[in-house]
């Protein structure tokens, strides 16, 4: 433990490396380091600051590090810092880069594993469930739902959000934008699996299965048809 500070500095530097493999190993190292920290806020603050880096590769890596470390050690984060990070994640839902939107959605899923009920409910109802105005925001919001369903599906049930999440996904599964539609097919598949395992909300389950089946025979997009078919096999 006397070397945690030096290790943190070294691993954080590796996130700025020009080689992807080095950056990925740095992310893995930080997810292990966070379990050793008694006070994690300093580490999360450093990573959070890195998400503002101008270099796209570095920024992607910082979001990946934030996702991994929050999932493992986020419960020890201070409420104020968690709220600050939630603002950053909200602001990146409609990021212009597809890769940032994707990893940002996963970050929101990790945040949901420990974020307070009130703040999480506000985040989801105000910034994730509503349909977005641009294709980037629509895509980012569906990816955020996918993150929530991947990392915190039980909280969606406990917070009585399944009906609203389902309605949002059904609308996105009808989107004429392939990226939005495929992201919704993926998230819908995750929700189907959750509902099958929990035995709840048969009405939502039926609607989601029907929508996924419809997209398996999508008339205008081979990509949507292929992706939906693959998801149906996974389910």
C-alpha atoms as a PDB file:
ATOM      1  CA  UNK A   1       0.000   0.000   0.000  1.00  0.00           C
ATOM      2  CA  UNK A   2       2.880   2.481   0.476  1.00  0.00           C
ATOM      3  CA  UNK A   3       3.415   2.230  -3.301  1.00  0.00           C
ATOM      4  CA  UNK A   4      -0.186   2.846  -4.373  1.00  0.00           C
ATOM      5  CA  UNK A   5       0.435   6.483  -5.251  1.00  0.00           C
ATOM      6  CA  UNK A   6       3.420   5.655  -7.449  1.00  0.00           C
ATOM      7  CA  UNK A   7       1.552   2.804  -9.116  1.00  0.00           C
ATOM      8  CA  UNK A   8      -1.426   5.058  -9.773  1.00  0.00           C
ATOM      9  CA  UNK A   9       0.843   7.633 -11.436  1.00  0.00           C
ATOM     10  CA  UNK A  10       2.483   4.963 -13.588  1.00  0.00           C
ATOM     11  CA  UNK A  11      -0.779   3.356 -14.651  1.00  0.00           C
ATOM     12  CA  UNK A  12      -2.393   6.708 -15.401  1.00  0.00           C
ATOM     13  CA  UNK A  13       0.545   7.606 -17.653  1.00  0.00           C
ATOM     14  CA  UNK A  14       0.071   4.370 -19.562  1.00  0.00           C
ATOM     15  CA  UNK A  15      -3.456   5.484 -20.500  1.00  0.00           C
ATOM     16  CA  UNK A  16      -1.843   8.203 -22.628  1.00  0.00           C
ATOM     17  CA  UNK A  17       0.491   5.803 -24.439  1.00  0.00           C
ATOM     18  CA  UNK A  18       0.400   5.723 -28.228  1.00  0.00           C
ATOM     19  CA  UNK A  19       0.037   1.941 -28.286  1.00  0.00           C
ATOM     20  CA  UNK A  20      -3.434   0.492 -27.757  1.00  0.00           C
ATOM     21  CA  UNK A  21      -2.094  -2.619 -26.029  1.00  0.00           C
ATOM     22  CA  UNK A  22      -0.275  -0.522 -23.434  1.00  0.00           C
ATOM     23  CA  UNK A  23      -3.389   1.580 -22.810  1.00  0.00           C
ATOM     24  CA  UNK A  24      -5.551  -1.516 -22.395  1.00  0.00           C
ATOM     25  CA  UNK A  25      -3.103  -3.023 -19.903  1.00  0.00           C
ATOM     26  CA  UNK A  26      -3.193   0.266 -18.018  1.00  0.00           C
ATOM     27  CA  UNK A  27      -6.974   0.039 -17.761  1.00  0.00           C
ATOM     28  CA  UNK A  28      -6.731  -3.528 -16.448  1.00  0.00           C
ATOM     29  CA  UNK A  29      -4.105  -2.495 -13.908  1.00  0.00           C
ATOM     30  CA  UNK A  30      -6.282   0.345 -12.601  1.00  0.00           C
ATOM     31  CA  UNK A  31      -9.266  -1.975 -12.126  1.00  0.00           C
ATOM     32  CA  UNK A  32      -7.044  -4.065  -9.854  1.00  0.00           C
ATOM     33  CA  UNK A  33      -5.555  -1.042  -8.104  1.00  0.00           C
ATOM     34  CA  UNK A  34      -8.960   0.376  -7.165  1.00  0.00           C
ATOM     35  CA  UNK A  35      -9.619  -2.662  -4.961  1.00  0.00           C
ATOM     36  CA  UNK A  36      -6.560  -1.795  -2.850  1.00  0.00           C
ATOM     37  CA  UNK A  37      -7.419   1.851  -2.237  1.00  0.00           C
ATOM     38  CA  UNK A  38      -8.973   2.943   1.039  1.00  0.00           C
ATOM     39  CA  UNK A  39      -9.745   6.322  -0.508  1.00  0.00           C
ATOM     40  CA  UNK A  40     -10.687   5.982  -4.152  1.00  0.00           C
ATOM     41  CA  UNK A  41     -11.731   9.561  -4.901  1.00  0.00           C
ATOM     42  CA  UNK A  42      -8.230  10.615  -5.929  1.00  0.00           C
ATOM     43  CA  UNK A  43      -8.048   7.832  -8.501  1.00  0.00           C
ATOM     44  CA  UNK A  44     -11.519   8.504  -9.869  1.00  0.00           C
ATOM     45  CA  UNK A  45     -10.791  12.227 -10.034  1.00  0.00           C
ATOM     46  CA  UNK A  46      -7.671  11.603 -12.125  1.00  0.00           C
ATOM     47  CA  UNK A  47      -9.536   9.337 -14.526  1.00  0.00           C
ATOM     48  CA  UNK A  48     -12.502  11.696 -14.700  1.00  0.00           C
ATOM     49  CA  UNK A  49     -10.189  14.567 -15.596  1.00  0.00           C
ATOM     50  CA  UNK A  50      -8.682  12.398 -18.345  1.00  0.00           C
ATOM     51  CA  UNK A  51     -12.051  12.050 -20.078  1.00  0.00           C
ATOM     52  CA  UNK A  52     -11.623  15.670 -21.139  1.00  0.00           C
ATOM     53  CA  UNK A  53      -8.375  14.935 -23.033  1.00  0.00           C
ATOM     54  CA  UNK A  54      -8.322  16.318 -26.578  1.00  0.00           C
ATOM     55  CA  UNK A  55      -6.783  13.136 -28.027  1.00  0.00           C
ATOM     56  CA  UNK A  56      -9.596  10.773 -29.056  1.00  0.00           C
ATOM     57  CA  UNK A  57      -7.699   7.540 -28.338  1.00  0.00           C
ATOM     58  CA  UNK A  58      -6.730   8.763 -24.890  1.00  0.00           C
ATOM     59  CA  UNK A  59     -10.265   9.956 -24.199  1.00  0.00           C
ATOM     60  CA  UNK A  60     -11.716   6.570 -25.186  1.00  0.00           C
ATOM     61  CA  UNK A  61      -9.240   4.851 -22.867  1.00  0.00           C
ATOM     62  CA  UNK A  62     -10.108   7.147 -19.981  1.00  0.00           C
ATOM     63  CA  UNK A  63     -13.805   6.337 -20.368  1.00  0.00           C
ATOM     64  CA  UNK A  64     -12.943   2.628 -20.494  1.00  0.00           C
ATOM     65  CA  UNK A  65     -10.894   3.008 -17.301  1.00  0.00           C
ATOM     66  CA  UNK A  66     -13.755   4.903 -15.665  1.00  0.00           C
ATOM     67  CA  UNK A  67     -16.185   2.145 -16.592  1.00  0.00           C
ATOM     68  CA  UNK A  68     -14.003  -0.657 -15.257  1.00  0.00           C
ATOM     69  CA  UNK A  69     -12.973   1.022 -12.032  1.00  0.00           C
ATOM     70  CA  UNK A  70     -16.500   2.248 -11.233  1.00  0.00           C
ATOM     71  CA  UNK A  71     -17.943  -1.211 -11.732  1.00  0.00           C
ATOM     72  CA  UNK A  72     -15.433  -2.679  -9.282  1.00  0.00           C
ATOM     73  CA  UNK A  73     -14.882   0.119  -6.777  1.00  0.00           C
ATOM     74  CA  UNK A  74     -17.491   2.782  -7.442  1.00  0.00           C
ATOM     75  CA  UNK A  75     -19.428   2.012  -4.261  1.00  0.00           C
ATOM     76  CA  UNK A  76     -16.588   3.618  -2.282  1.00  0.00           C
ATOM     77  CA  UNK A  77     -16.767   6.869  -4.243  1.00  0.00           C
ATOM     78  CA  UNK A  78     -18.056   9.999  -2.523  1.00  0.00           C
ATOM     79  CA  UNK A  79     -21.602  11.058  -3.522  1.00  0.00           C
ATOM     80  CA  UNK A  80     -20.438  14.468  -4.738  1.00  0.00           C
ATOM     81  CA  UNK A  81     -17.855  12.975  -7.078  1.00  0.00           C
ATOM     82  CA  UNK A  82     -20.369  10.422  -8.366  1.00  0.00           C
ATOM     83  CA  UNK A  83     -22.747  13.282  -9.142  1.00  0.00           C
ATOM     84  CA  UNK A  84     -19.995  15.190 -10.956  1.00  0.00           C
ATOM     85  CA  UNK A  85     -19.149  12.135 -13.047  1.00  0.00           C
ATOM     86  CA  UNK A  86     -22.833  11.619 -13.842  1.00  0.00           C
ATOM     87  CA  UNK A  87     -22.939  15.134 -15.329  1.00  0.00           C
ATOM     88  CA  UNK A  88     -19.975  14.322 -17.567  1.00  0.00           C
ATOM     89  CA  UNK A  89     -21.592  11.081 -18.706  1.00  0.00           C
ATOM     90  CA  UNK A  90     -24.877  12.852 -19.397  1.00  0.00           C
ATOM     91  CA  UNK A  91     -23.057  15.443 -21.499  1.00  0.00           C
ATOM     92  CA  UNK A  92     -21.416  12.701 -23.588  1.00  0.00           C
ATOM     93  CA  UNK A  93     -24.582  10.714 -24.373  1.00  0.00           C
ATOM     94  CA  UNK A  94     -24.788  12.502 -27.717  1.00  0.00           C
ATOM     95  CA  UNK A  95     -21.029  12.699 -28.362  1.00  0.00           C
ATOM     96  CA  UNK A  96     -20.139  12.990 -32.070  1.00  0.00           C
ATOM     97  CA  UNK A  97     -17.848   9.946 -31.908  1.00  0.00           C
ATOM     98  CA  UNK A  98     -19.513   6.541 -32.031  1.00  0.00           C
ATOM     99  CA  UNK A  99     -16.783   4.980 -29.873  1.00  0.00           C
ATOM    100  CA  UNK A 100     -17.266   7.557 -27.120  1.00  0.00           C
ATOM    101  CA  UNK A 101     -21.043   7.070 -27.133  1.00  0.00           C
ATOM    102  CA  UNK A 102     -20.529   3.322 -26.816  1.00  0.00           C
ATOM    103  CA  UNK A 103     -18.126   3.371 -23.870  1.00  0.00           C
ATOM    104  CA  UNK A 104     -20.090   6.208 -22.265  1.00  0.00           C
ATOM    105  CA  UNK A 105     -23.178   3.987 -22.273  1.00  0.00           C
ATOM    106  CA  UNK A 106     -21.190   1.280 -20.490  1.00  0.00           C
ATOM    107  CA  UNK A 107     -20.013   3.877 -17.957  1.00  0.00           C
ATOM    108  CA  UNK A 108     -23.616   4.795 -17.182  1.00  0.00           C
ATOM    109  CA  UNK A 109     -24.294   1.110 -16.565  1.00  0.00           C
ATOM    110  CA  UNK A 110     -21.407   0.924 -14.097  1.00  0.00           C
ATOM    111  CA  UNK A 111     -22.528   4.136 -12.394  1.00  0.00           C
ATOM    112  CA  UNK A 112     -25.971   2.599 -11.925  1.00  0.00           C
ATOM    113  CA  UNK A 113     -24.557  -0.191  -9.757  1.00  0.00           C
ATOM    114  CA  UNK A 114     -23.968   2.254  -6.885  1.00  0.00           C
ATOM    115  CA  UNK A 115     -25.558   5.636  -7.720  1.00  0.00           C
ATOM    116  CA  UNK A 116     -28.259   6.806  -5.293  1.00  0.00           C
ATOM    117  CA  UNK A 117     -31.838   5.864  -6.166  1.00  0.00           C
ATOM    118  CA  UNK A 118     -33.020   9.469  -6.455  1.00  0.00           C
ATOM    119  CA  UNK A 119     -30.157  10.615  -8.669  1.00  0.00           C
ATOM    120  CA  UNK A 120     -30.300   7.510 -10.846  1.00  0.00           C
ATOM    121  CA  UNK A 121     -34.053   7.835 -11.289  1.00  0.00           C
ATOM    122  CA  UNK A 122     -33.628  11.470 -12.325  1.00  0.00           C
ATOM    123  CA  UNK A 123     -30.804  10.617 -14.737  1.00  0.00           C
ATOM    124  CA  UNK A 124     -32.767   7.855 -16.436  1.00  0.00           C
ATOM    125  CA  UNK A 125     -36.138   9.585 -16.661  1.00  0.00           C
ATOM    126  CA  UNK A 126     -34.766  12.936 -17.837  1.00  0.00           C
ATOM    127  CA  UNK A 127     -31.772  12.025 -19.977  1.00  0.00           C
ATOM    128  CA  UNK A 128     -32.009   8.397 -21.115  1.00  0.00           C
ATOM    129  CA  UNK A 129     -35.589   7.228 -21.594  1.00  0.00           C
ATOM    130  CA  UNK A 130     -36.865  10.191 -23.689  1.00  0.00           C
ATOM    131  CA  UNK A 131     -36.250   9.985 -27.429  1.00  0.00           C
ATOM    132  CA  UNK A 132     -33.442  12.298 -28.546  1.00  0.00           C
ATOM    133  CA  UNK A 133     -33.601  15.071 -31.130  1.00  0.00           C
ATOM    134  CA  UNK A 134     -30.518  14.023 -33.114  1.00  0.00           C
ATOM    135  CA  UNK A 135     -29.373  10.608 -34.315  1.00  0.00           C
ATOM    136  CA  UNK A 136     -26.325  10.850 -32.026  1.00  0.00           C
ATOM    137  CA  UNK A 137     -28.434  11.491 -28.928  1.00  0.00           C
ATOM    138  CA  UNK A 138     -30.917   8.780 -29.912  1.00  0.00           C
ATOM    139  CA  UNK A 139     -28.055   6.329 -30.393  1.00  0.00           C
ATOM    140  CA  UNK A 140     -26.330   7.374 -27.171  1.00  0.00           C
ATOM    141  CA  UNK A 141     -29.493   7.010 -25.117  1.00  0.00           C
ATOM    142  CA  UNK A 142     -30.133   3.502 -26.416  1.00  0.00           C
ATOM    143  CA  UNK A 143     -26.514   2.590 -25.639  1.00  0.00           C
ATOM    144  CA  UNK A 144     -27.030   3.956 -22.136  1.00  0.00           C
ATOM    145  CA  UNK A 145     -30.095   1.718 -21.724  1.00  0.00           C
ATOM    146  CA  UNK A 146     -27.981  -1.196 -22.927  1.00  0.00           C
ATOM    147  CA  UNK A 147     -25.395  -0.326 -20.275  1.00  0.00           C
ATOM    148  CA  UNK A 148     -28.050  -0.180 -17.581  1.00  0.00           C
ATOM    149  CA  UNK A 149     -29.455  -3.543 -18.598  1.00  0.00           C
ATOM    150  CA  UNK A 150     -26.014  -5.117 -18.775  1.00  0.00           C
ATOM    151  CA  UNK A 151     -24.736  -3.970 -15.394  1.00  0.00           C
ATOM    152  CA  UNK A 152     -27.794  -3.119 -13.294  1.00  0.00           C
ATOM    153  CA  UNK A 153     -30.943  -4.847 -14.620  1.00  0.00           C
ATOM    154  CA  UNK A 154     -32.254  -5.656 -11.138  1.00  0.00           C
ATOM    155  CA  UNK A 155     -32.213  -1.973 -10.218  1.00  0.00           C
ATOM    156  CA  UNK A 156     -34.354  -1.198 -13.261  1.00  0.00           C
ATOM    157  CA  UNK A 157     -36.924  -3.630 -11.855  1.00  0.00           C
ATOM    158  CA  UNK A 158     -36.697  -2.403  -8.278  1.00  0.00           C
ATOM    159  CA  UNK A 159     -37.083   1.213  -9.427  1.00  0.00           C
ATOM    160  CA  UNK A 160     -40.177   0.275 -11.470  1.00  0.00           C
ATOM    161  CA  UNK A 161     -38.636   1.411 -14.761  1.00  0.00           C
ATOM    162  CA  UNK A 162     -39.248  -1.654 -16.922  1.00  0.00           C
ATOM    163  CA  UNK A 163     -42.394  -0.326 -18.616  1.00  0.00           C
ATOM    164  CA  UNK A 164     -40.803   2.985 -19.532  1.00  0.00           C
ATOM    165  CA  UNK A 165     -37.537   1.426 -20.656  1.00  0.00           C
ATOM    166  CA  UNK A 166     -39.494  -1.016 -22.811  1.00  0.00           C
ATOM    167  CA  UNK A 167     -41.509   1.767 -24.439  1.00  0.00           C
ATOM    168  CA  UNK A 168     -38.329   3.683 -25.228  1.00  0.00           C
ATOM    169  CA  UNK A 169     -36.663   0.611 -26.733  1.00  0.00           C
ATOM    170  CA  UNK A 170     -39.697  -0.296 -28.835  1.00  0.00           C
ATOM    171  CA  UNK A 171     -39.651   3.163 -30.414  1.00  0.00           C
ATOM    172  CA  UNK A 172     -35.924   2.853 -31.151  1.00  0.00           C
ATOM    173  CA  UNK A 173     -36.345  -0.648 -32.596  1.00  0.00           C
ATOM    174  CA  UNK A 174     -38.530   0.966 -35.267  1.00  0.00           C
ATOM    175  CA  UNK A 175     -35.923   3.612 -36.097  1.00  0.00           C
ATOM    176  CA  UNK A 176     -34.856   4.024 -39.714  1.00  0.00           C
ATOM    177  CA  UNK A 177     -31.303   4.681 -38.487  1.00  0.00           C
ATOM    178  CA  UNK A 178     -29.402   1.378 -38.575  1.00  0.00           C
ATOM    179  CA  UNK A 179     -27.111   2.213 -35.631  1.00  0.00           C
ATOM    180  CA  UNK A 180     -30.036   3.231 -33.420  1.00  0.00           C
ATOM    181  CA  UNK A 181     -32.108   0.229 -34.458  1.00  0.00           C
ATOM    182  CA  UNK A 182     -29.292  -2.277 -33.903  1.00  0.00           C
ATOM    183  CA  UNK A 183     -28.389  -0.785 -30.520  1.00  0.00           C
ATOM    184  CA  UNK A 184     -32.060  -1.093 -29.554  1.00  0.00           C
ATOM    185  CA  UNK A 185     -32.158  -4.700 -30.781  1.00  0.00           C
ATOM    186  CA  UNK A 186     -29.167  -5.449 -28.558  1.00  0.00           C
ATOM    187  CA  UNK A 187     -30.637  -3.682 -25.528  1.00  0.00           C
ATOM    188  CA  UNK A 188     -34.004  -5.303 -26.196  1.00  0.00           C
ATOM    189  CA  UNK A 189     -32.351  -8.707 -26.215  1.00  0.00           C
ATOM    190  CA  UNK A 190     -30.738  -7.960 -22.862  1.00  0.00           C
ATOM    191  CA  UNK A 191     -34.085  -6.914 -21.411  1.00  0.00           C
ATOM    192  CA  UNK A 192     -35.734 -10.057 -22.767  1.00  0.00           C
ATOM    193  CA  UNK A 193     -33.109 -12.173 -21.006  1.00  0.00           C
ATOM    194  CA  UNK A 194     -33.634 -10.245 -17.765  1.00  0.00           C
ATOM    195  CA  UNK A 195     -37.419 -10.622 -17.914  1.00  0.00           C
ATOM    196  CA  UNK A 196     -37.143 -14.330 -18.678  1.00  0.00           C
ATOM    197  CA  UNK A 197     -34.813 -14.832 -15.716  1.00  0.00           C
ATOM    198  CA  UNK A 198     -36.877 -12.728 -13.308  1.00  0.00           C
ATOM    199  CA  UNK A 199     -40.270 -13.998 -14.470  1.00  0.00           C
ATOM    200  CA  UNK A 200     -41.725 -10.489 -14.382  1.00  0.00           C
ATOM    201  CA  UNK A 201     -43.745  -8.281 -16.704  1.00  0.00           C
ATOM    202  CA  UNK A 202     -45.023 -10.734 -19.308  1.00  0.00           C
ATOM    203  CA  UNK A 203     -46.618  -7.879 -21.254  1.00  0.00           C
ATOM    204  CA  UNK A 204     -43.293  -6.114 -21.857  1.00  0.00           C
ATOM    205  CA  UNK A 205     -41.624  -9.423 -22.636  1.00  0.00           C
ATOM    206  CA  UNK A 206     -44.202 -10.177 -25.329  1.00  0.00           C
ATOM    207  CA  UNK A 207     -43.830  -6.733 -26.918  1.00  0.00           C
ATOM    208  CA  UNK A 208     -40.032  -6.990 -27.017  1.00  0.00           C
ATOM    209  CA  UNK A 209     -40.021 -10.510 -28.464  1.00  0.00           C
ATOM    210  CA  UNK A 210     -42.502  -9.415 -31.123  1.00  0.00           C
ATOM    211  CA  UNK A 211     -40.429  -6.362 -32.052  1.00  0.00           C
ATOM    212  CA  UNK A 212     -37.217  -8.394 -32.259  1.00  0.00           C
ATOM    213  CA  UNK A 213     -38.976 -10.991 -34.421  1.00  0.00           C
ATOM    214  CA  UNK A 214     -40.214  -8.225 -36.705  1.00  0.00           C
ATOM    215  CA  UNK A 215     -36.679  -6.915 -37.161  1.00  0.00           C
ATOM    216  CA  UNK A 216     -35.479 -10.422 -37.997  1.00  0.00           C
ATOM    217  CA  UNK A 217     -37.503  -9.951 -41.180  1.00  0.00           C
ATOM    218  CA  UNK A 218     -36.653  -6.254 -41.659  1.00  0.00           C
ATOM    219  CA  UNK A 219     -37.650  -5.175 -45.152  1.00  0.00           C
ATOM    220  CA  UNK A 220     -35.110  -2.463 -45.907  1.00  0.00           C
ATOM    221  CA  UNK A 221     -31.874  -3.302 -44.061  1.00  0.00           C
ATOM    222  CA  UNK A 222     -29.766  -6.436 -44.246  1.00  0.00           C
ATOM    223  CA  UNK A 223     -27.726  -5.154 -41.303  1.00  0.00           C
ATOM    224  CA  UNK A 224     -30.779  -4.846 -39.068  1.00  0.00           C
ATOM    225  CA  UNK A 225     -32.115  -8.209 -40.212  1.00  0.00           C
ATOM    226  CA  UNK A 226     -28.794  -9.956 -39.570  1.00  0.00           C
ATOM    227  CA  UNK A 227     -28.198  -8.269 -36.194  1.00  0.00           C
ATOM    228  CA  UNK A 228     -31.719  -8.969 -34.952  1.00  0.00           C
ATOM    229  CA  UNK A 229     -31.429 -12.604 -36.024  1.00  0.00           C
ATOM    230  CA  UNK A 230     -28.139 -12.984 -34.144  1.00  0.00           C
ATOM    231  CA  UNK A 231     -29.696 -11.416 -31.040  1.00  0.00           C
ATOM    232  CA  UNK A 232     -32.687 -13.751 -31.232  1.00  0.00           C
ATOM    233  CA  UNK A 233     -30.289 -16.724 -31.226  1.00  0.00           C
ATOM    234  CA  UNK A 234     -28.541 -15.337 -28.144  1.00  0.00           C
ATOM    235  CA  UNK A 235     -31.867 -14.952 -26.360  1.00  0.00           C
END
